[in-house]
Amino acid sequence: MKVATWQGADRFTIDSAPEPVAGPGQVLVDVHAAGICGTDVHATQGLFPWKPPLVLGHEYTGVVREVGRGVSKSLVGRTVGCEPSYGCGKCAECAAGRVSQCPQCVRIGGFAERVALPARNVHALPRGLDPVTAAMTEPAACCLAGLEGFQMPKGATVLVIGGGIMGLVTMVLAGRLGAKRLIMSDPIEERRKIAKSLGAAIVIDPARESLHERVMELTHGRGADVVCEAVGKPDLVKQAVTLTRPNGFLQLVGVNPKGSVLPLDLWDVHFREIRIGGAFGRGTAYKRALALMPKLGLKRLVTARFPLLRIGDAFAHAAAGRGVKTMIMPQSA
């Protein structure tokens, strides 16, 4: 079978690899669609600590082709959403459902024609959900897990900084969890339009107006109840602190480069009692996110599709910030 192997920087090779086999308790999946995540792009830019050579891609769906011993044959032919990693099942992180933090976490890259996964890692798609849109369930689960880490204030005003996939999905899910007013800040007009269509009450172009002044005007000088930094830039994290109301919640959704220092005034955090939380990994939220996917209206976020053979072009497209979600289609010519 063919796989796309990341060789470092922005270099990829298309390689022949041994056909994966569905072992006991596993399934073999033909990958239908695999999304390029911001983390994948960051890795090619040296901003995320993954080391080549590596098969990337952790947002994917596919069709079950074979099953291993102990797995029901009724799964064969099912279109499924795939949880791309699994832990040792023995450590404290696995016991708590934090597979992403397991020291022995195994990640199965989806930029390949086929993958073998534990049967517990695949889930039939709910009615009305197409497999390309469903490939965004993994990032949606990460967003949902992060938002479930705190109690959404009643009638909350939520500010999301950054209208990429993680920011947009975080915004939509915040609305599902009870936020009353959604504000999106992004300098790209296309993303602001999408945010508006997905429920943003207010969209802000930070390149044309002061984000701080606008948010303070909208919140009578207090700041937003919840601020989600979904870009992954320390300067924006610093600004996000100033936009969070007293006793509000700041969530770090974007992936900042490893080694980044939290750029804030500790007195400011202490005096205003701001709570800061990270959002990394899907935790136990994948199945809950999958059930929500048909109701979120995310199909419009898929703005480009490339065959596996053009993965280099696909990454260049995604890294340039064009559109929102770029998909790799491994079964396409």
Protein backbone atom coordinates (compact mmCIF):
# COMPACT_ATOMS: atom_id res chain seq x y z
CA MET A 1 0.00 0.00 0.00
CA LYS A 2 1.00 3.65 -0.33
CA VAL A 3 1.82 5.93 2.60
CA ALA A 4 2.97 9.54 2.73
CA THR A 5 6.05 9.77 4.93
CA TRP A 6 7.10 13.09 6.42
CA GLN A 7 10.87 13.40 6.02
CA GLY A 8 11.39 16.68 7.85
CA ALA A 9 10.67 20.35 7.12
CA ASP A 10 8.12 20.41 4.27
CA ARG A 11 9.42 17.25 2.56
CA PHE A 12 7.21 14.19 2.00
CA THR A 13 7.80 10.97 0.11
CA ILE A 14 5.20 8.54 -1.20
CA ASP A 15 6.36 5.10 -0.16
CA SER A 16 5.27 1.49 -0.50
CA ALA A 17 4.67 -0.05 2.91
CA PRO A 18 3.70 -3.56 4.01
CA GLU A 19 -0.03 -4.12 4.14
CA PRO A 20 -1.24 -3.74 7.74
CA VAL A 21 -2.91 -6.77 9.24
CA ALA A 22 -5.86 -6.79 11.62
CA GLY A 23 -4.55 -8.65 14.66
CA PRO A 24 -6.67 -9.96 17.52
CA GLY A 25 -9.14 -7.30 18.60
CA GLN A 26 -8.29 -5.09 15.64
CA VAL A 27 -9.85 -3.92 12.40
CA LEU A 28 -8.33 -3.02 9.04
CA VAL A 29 -9.64 0.29 7.67
CA ASP A 30 -9.42 1.76 4.18
CA VAL A 31 -8.82 5.45 4.91
CA HIS A 32 -11.44 7.60 3.18
CA ALA A 33 -10.54 11.12 4.35
CA ALA A 34 -7.75 12.45 6.58
CA GLY A 35 -7.55 16.08 7.66
CA ILE A 36 -4.38 18.13 7.94
CA CYS A 37 -4.23 19.44 11.51
CA GLY A 38 -2.51 22.63 12.59
CA THR A 39 -0.27 20.41 14.71
CA ASP A 40 0.84 18.58 11.54
CA VAL A 41 1.72 21.89 9.93
CA HIS A 42 3.53 23.05 13.08
CA ALA A 43 5.60 19.87 13.02
CA THR A 44 6.79 20.62 9.47
CA GLN A 45 7.75 24.11 10.66
CA GLY A 46 9.79 22.82 13.60
CA LEU A 47 7.26 24.12 16.12
CA PHE A 48 6.04 20.77 17.46
CA PRO A 49 8.34 18.08 18.88
CA TRP A 50 7.66 15.23 16.45
CA LYS A 51 10.64 13.64 14.75
CA PRO A 52 10.76 12.37 11.14
CA PRO A 53 10.46 10.03 9.40
CA LEU A 54 6.82 9.73 10.39
CA VAL A 55 3.41 9.07 8.89
CA LEU A 56 1.32 12.00 10.08
CA GLY A 57 -2.44 12.48 10.09
CA HIS A 58 -4.63 11.95 13.14
CA GLU A 59 -8.05 13.09 11.89
CA TYR A 60 -9.56 10.41 9.69
CA THR A 61 -12.44 8.18 8.71
CA GLY A 62 -12.65 5.08 6.60
CA VAL A 63 -14.38 1.83 5.76
CA VAL A 64 -13.71 -1.38 7.70
CA ARG A 65 -12.22 -3.87 5.27
CA GLU A 66 -11.33 -6.80 7.55
CA VAL A 67 -11.59 -7.74 11.23
CA GLY A 68 -9.23 -9.70 13.42
CA ARG A 69 -9.93 -12.53 15.81
CA GLY A 70 -12.52 -11.70 18.43
CA VAL A 71 -14.12 -8.84 16.44
CA SER A 72 -17.63 -9.09 15.03
CA LYS A 73 -17.71 -9.49 11.25
CA SER A 74 -20.73 -7.18 11.21
CA LEU A 75 -18.23 -4.30 11.21
CA VAL A 76 -16.99 -5.19 7.73
CA GLY A 77 -18.20 -2.59 5.27
CA ARG A 78 -19.08 -0.04 7.97
CA THR A 79 -18.00 3.57 7.50
CA VAL A 80 -16.35 4.61 10.74
CA GLY A 81 -14.76 7.50 12.54
CA CYS A 82 -11.32 6.60 13.87
CA GLU A 83 -9.64 7.47 17.14
CA PRO A 84 -6.04 7.52 15.90
CA SER A 85 -4.16 6.63 19.09
CA TYR A 86 -4.28 4.28 22.03
CA GLY A 87 -2.41 3.95 25.28
CA CYS A 88 -0.94 1.14 27.34
CA GLY A 89 -4.19 0.73 29.27
CA LYS A 90 -2.30 0.36 32.55
CA CYS A 91 -1.00 3.80 33.59
CA ALA A 92 -2.80 6.49 35.58
CA GLU A 93 -3.29 8.61 32.45
CA CYS A 94 -5.06 5.79 30.62
CA ALA A 95 -7.18 5.07 33.68
CA ALA A 96 -8.28 8.72 33.65
CA GLY A 97 -9.04 8.62 29.92
CA ARG A 98 -6.10 10.85 28.96
CA VAL A 99 -4.66 8.60 26.28
CA SER A 100 -2.75 11.49 24.67
CA GLN A 101 -0.63 11.82 27.81
CA CYS A 102 0.15 8.09 28.11
CA PRO A 103 3.97 7.66 28.03
CA GLN A 104 3.51 4.68 25.71
CA CYS A 105 0.85 6.23 23.48
CA VAL A 106 0.75 4.65 20.01
CA ARG A 107 -0.35 6.93 17.15
CA ILE A 108 -1.42 5.46 13.83
CA GLY A 109 -0.95 7.99 11.02
CA GLY A 110 -3.85 8.37 8.61
CA PHE A 111 -1.96 9.69 5.59
CA ALA A 112 -1.98 6.17 4.23
CA GLU A 113 -4.25 3.99 2.16
CA ARG A 114 -4.97 1.64 5.07
CA VAL A 115 -4.51 1.42 8.83
CA ALA A 116 -5.00 -1.23 11.51
CA LEU A 117 -6.61 -0.08 14.75
CA PRO A 118 -8.11 -1.64 17.87
CA ALA A 119 -11.81 -2.25 17.28
CA ARG A 120 -12.61 -0.01 20.25
CA ASN A 121 -11.05 2.89 18.33
CA VAL A 122 -13.57 2.85 15.47
CA HIS A 123 -17.15 4.08 15.67
CA ALA A 124 -19.97 3.86 13.14
CA LEU A 125 -21.02 7.25 11.84
CA PRO A 126 -24.39 8.57 12.99
CA ARG A 127 -27.11 9.00 10.40
CA GLY A 128 -26.74 12.11 8.29
CA LEU A 129 -22.97 12.47 8.75
CA ASP A 130 -20.80 12.09 5.65
CA PRO A 131 -17.30 10.59 6.02
CA VAL A 132 -15.42 13.75 4.97
CA THR A 133 -17.14 15.96 7.53
CA ALA A 134 -16.79 13.13 10.06
CA ALA A 135 -13.00 13.29 9.71
CA MET A 136 -13.21 16.49 11.76
CA THR A 137 -14.58 14.57 14.76
CA GLU A 138 -11.11 14.18 16.30
CA PRO A 139 -10.41 17.94 16.48
CA ALA A 140 -14.01 18.49 17.58
CA ALA A 141 -13.45 15.99 20.40
CA CYS A 142 -10.32 17.89 21.49
CA CYS A 143 -12.32 21.13 21.57
CA LEU A 144 -15.17 19.49 23.46
CA ALA A 145 -12.84 17.91 26.01
CA GLY A 146 -11.28 21.30 26.67
CA LEU A 147 -14.63 23.04 27.12
CA GLU A 148 -15.83 20.28 29.43
CA GLY A 149 -12.92 21.07 31.74
CA PHE A 150 -14.81 23.97 33.32
CA GLN A 151 -18.39 25.06 33.93
CA MET A 152 -19.65 27.37 31.20
CA PRO A 153 -21.00 30.49 32.96
CA LYS A 154 -24.73 31.03 32.51
CA GLY A 155 -25.35 33.42 29.62
CA ALA A 156 -21.62 33.61 28.92
CA THR A 157 -19.92 35.88 26.44
CA VAL A 158 -17.21 33.81 24.76
CA LEU A 159 -14.39 35.35 22.75
CA VAL A 160 -12.45 33.09 20.39
CA ILE A 161 -9.19 34.45 18.99
CA GLY A 162 -8.40 32.65 15.74
CA GLY A 163 -10.89 31.35 13.16
CA GLY A 164 -9.11 28.20 12.05
CA ILE A 165 -10.72 24.81 12.51
CA MET A 166 -10.04 24.64 16.26
CA GLY A 167 -11.29 28.15 16.88
CA LEU A 168 -14.45 27.72 14.81
CA VAL A 169 -15.33 24.36 16.33
CA THR A 170 -14.61 25.66 19.84
CA MET A 171 -16.94 28.57 19.14
CA VAL A 172 -19.75 26.34 17.88
CA LEU A 173 -19.41 23.93 20.80
CA ALA A 174 -19.35 26.81 23.30
CA GLY A 175 -22.74 27.77 21.96
CA ARG A 176 -23.99 24.20 22.38
CA LEU A 177 -22.77 24.27 25.99
CA GLY A 178 -24.75 27.37 26.88
CA ALA A 179 -22.79 30.44 25.82
CA LYS A 180 -25.16 33.27 24.95
CA ARG A 181 -22.93 35.56 22.89
CA LEU A 182 -20.12 34.36 20.62
CA ILE A 183 -17.38 36.71 19.42
CA MET A 184 -14.80 35.67 16.81
CA SER A 185 -11.59 37.57 16.02
CA ASP A 186 -9.66 36.73 12.85
CA PRO A 187 -7.91 38.88 10.21
CA ILE A 188 -9.07 36.65 7.32
CA GLU A 189 -12.42 37.74 5.86
CA GLU A 190 -13.40 34.23 4.69
CA ARG A 191 -13.05 32.89 8.22
CA ARG A 192 -15.03 35.76 9.70
CA LYS A 193 -17.84 35.05 7.24
CA ILE A 194 -17.83 31.37 8.17
CA ALA A 195 -17.87 32.26 11.88
CA LYS A 196 -20.89 34.50 11.29
CA SER A 197 -22.69 31.70 9.45
CA LEU A 198 -21.94 29.33 12.35
CA GLY A 199 -23.47 31.56 14.98
CA ALA A 200 -20.99 34.30 15.86
CA ALA A 201 -22.93 37.34 17.04
CA ILE A 202 -19.94 39.59 16.42
CA VAL A 203 -16.86 39.18 14.22
CA ILE A 204 -13.79 41.39 14.58
CA ASP A 205 -10.94 42.06 12.17
CA PRO A 206 -7.99 42.72 14.53
CA ALA A 207 -5.97 44.12 11.63
CA ARG A 208 -8.44 46.98 11.17
CA GLU A 209 -9.66 47.74 14.70
CA SER A 210 -8.44 47.36 18.26
CA LEU A 211 -9.52 43.98 19.59
CA HIS A 212 -9.05 45.19 23.16
CA GLU A 213 -11.13 48.33 22.71
CA ARG A 214 -13.94 46.47 20.91
CA VAL A 215 -14.18 43.68 23.49
CA MET A 216 -14.15 46.14 26.38
CA GLU A 217 -16.86 48.16 24.67
CA LEU A 218 -18.98 45.03 24.20
CA THR A 219 -18.51 43.89 27.80
CA HIS A 220 -18.80 47.26 29.57
CA GLY A 221 -15.12 47.20 30.49
CA ARG A 222 -15.12 43.79 32.22
CA GLY A 223 -13.83 41.44 29.53
CA ALA A 224 -15.30 38.19 28.21
CA ASP A 225 -16.42 35.41 30.54
CA VAL A 226 -14.41 32.88 28.53
CA VAL A 227 -11.52 33.64 26.16
CA CYS A 228 -10.15 30.91 23.90
CA GLU A 229 -6.79 31.54 22.23
CA ALA A 230 -6.93 29.24 19.21
CA VAL A 231 -3.90 30.35 17.19
CA GLY A 232 -0.93 29.29 19.30
CA LYS A 233 1.04 32.55 19.56
CA PRO A 234 2.43 33.74 22.91
CA ASP A 235 1.68 37.39 22.07
CA LEU A 236 -1.97 36.52 21.56
CA VAL A 237 -2.03 34.58 24.83
CA LYS A 238 -0.71 37.70 26.54
CA GLN A 239 -3.47 39.76 24.98
CA ALA A 240 -6.09 37.12 25.82
CA VAL A 241 -5.32 37.52 29.53
CA THR A 242 -6.21 41.21 29.35
CA LEU A 243 -9.50 40.37 27.62
CA THR A 244 -10.67 37.92 30.30
CA ARG A 245 -13.01 39.25 32.97
CA PRO A 246 -12.30 38.89 36.72
CA ASN A 247 -12.81 35.25 37.72
CA GLY A 248 -13.13 34.38 34.05
CA PHE A 249 -11.59 31.44 32.22
CA LEU A 250 -8.78 31.55 29.66
CA GLN A 251 -8.39 28.42 27.56
CA LEU A 252 -5.28 27.68 25.51
CA VAL A 253 -6.64 25.91 22.44
CA GLY A 254 -3.87 26.78 19.99
CA VAL A 255 -0.62 24.82 20.12
CA ASN A 256 2.19 27.16 21.15
CA PRO A 257 5.75 26.15 20.18
CA LYS A 258 7.49 23.96 22.73
CA GLY A 259 9.62 26.10 25.01
CA SER A 260 7.25 29.07 24.88
CA VAL A 261 7.02 30.98 28.16
CA LEU A 262 3.63 32.03 29.52
CA PRO A 263 3.70 35.78 28.77
CA LEU A 264 1.63 37.28 31.55
CA ASP A 265 1.70 39.46 34.62
CA LEU A 266 1.18 37.09 37.55
CA TRP A 267 -0.25 39.95 39.61
CA ASP A 268 -2.88 40.47 36.93
CA VAL A 269 -3.88 36.80 37.10
CA HIS A 270 -3.80 36.72 40.88
CA PHE A 271 -5.68 39.99 41.43
CA ARG A 272 -8.42 39.23 38.90
CA GLU A 273 -8.53 35.51 39.78
CA ILE A 274 -8.29 34.34 36.19
CA ARG A 275 -8.30 30.60 35.66
CA ILE A 276 -6.12 29.23 32.87
CA GLY A 277 -6.57 25.80 31.31
CA GLY A 278 -4.97 23.80 28.53
CA ALA A 279 -6.85 21.89 25.86
CA PHE A 280 -4.88 19.05 24.32
CA GLY A 281 -6.16 15.65 23.32
CA ARG A 282 -9.63 14.23 22.98
CA GLY A 283 -9.76 12.55 26.39
CA THR A 284 -12.99 10.54 26.54
CA ALA A 285 -14.93 12.98 24.34
CA TYR A 286 -14.70 11.31 20.91
CA LYS A 287 -18.02 9.44 21.00
CA ARG A 288 -19.82 12.46 22.46
CA ALA A 289 -18.37 14.67 19.75
CA LEU A 290 -19.30 12.16 17.04
CA ALA A 291 -22.93 12.17 18.21
CA LEU A 292 -22.96 15.98 17.98
CA MET A 293 -21.32 16.24 14.55
CA PRO A 294 -24.51 16.04 12.42
CA LYS A 295 -25.91 19.01 14.37
CA LEU A 296 -22.93 21.37 14.18
CA GLY A 297 -23.03 22.45 10.52
CA LEU A 298 -19.32 21.90 9.98
CA LYS A 299 -19.45 20.56 6.42
CA ARG A 300 -18.64 24.01 5.04
CA LEU A 301 -15.31 23.99 6.88
CA VAL A 302 -13.80 21.52 4.40
CA THR A 303 -12.45 23.93 1.80
CA ALA A 304 -9.91 21.81 -0.11
CA ARG A 305 -9.26 18.15 -0.96
CA PHE A 306 -6.06 16.59 -2.31
CA PRO A 307 -5.11 13.02 -3.27
CA LEU A 308 -2.35 11.34 -1.25
CA LEU A 309 0.11 11.76 -4.12
CA ARG A 310 -0.17 15.57 -3.78
CA ILE A 311 0.35 15.74 -0.04
CA GLY A 312 3.18 18.26 -0.45
CA ASP A 313 0.84 20.63 -2.29
CA ALA A 314 -1.82 20.01 0.36
CA PHE A 315 0.52 21.01 3.19
CA ALA A 316 1.65 24.12 1.30
CA HIS A 317 -2.01 25.06 0.86
CA ALA A 318 -2.77 24.50 4.55
CA ALA A 319 0.38 26.27 5.78
CA ALA A 320 -0.51 29.33 3.70
CA GLY A 321 -3.71 29.70 5.72
CA ARG A 322 -5.98 29.18 2.73
CA GLY A 323 -9.50 28.11 3.63
CA VAL A 324 -10.14 26.25 6.87
CA LYS A 325 -9.75 22.47 6.63
CA THR A 326 -7.65 20.71 4.00
CA MET A 327 -8.39 17.03 3.47
CA ILE A 328 -6.23 14.24 2.10
CA MET A 329 -8.22 11.60 0.17
CA PRO A 330 -6.01 8.46 0.12
CA GLN A 331 -8.30 6.45 -2.17
CA SER A 332 -8.37 9.16 -4.86
CA ALA A 333 -6.08 9.14 -7.86
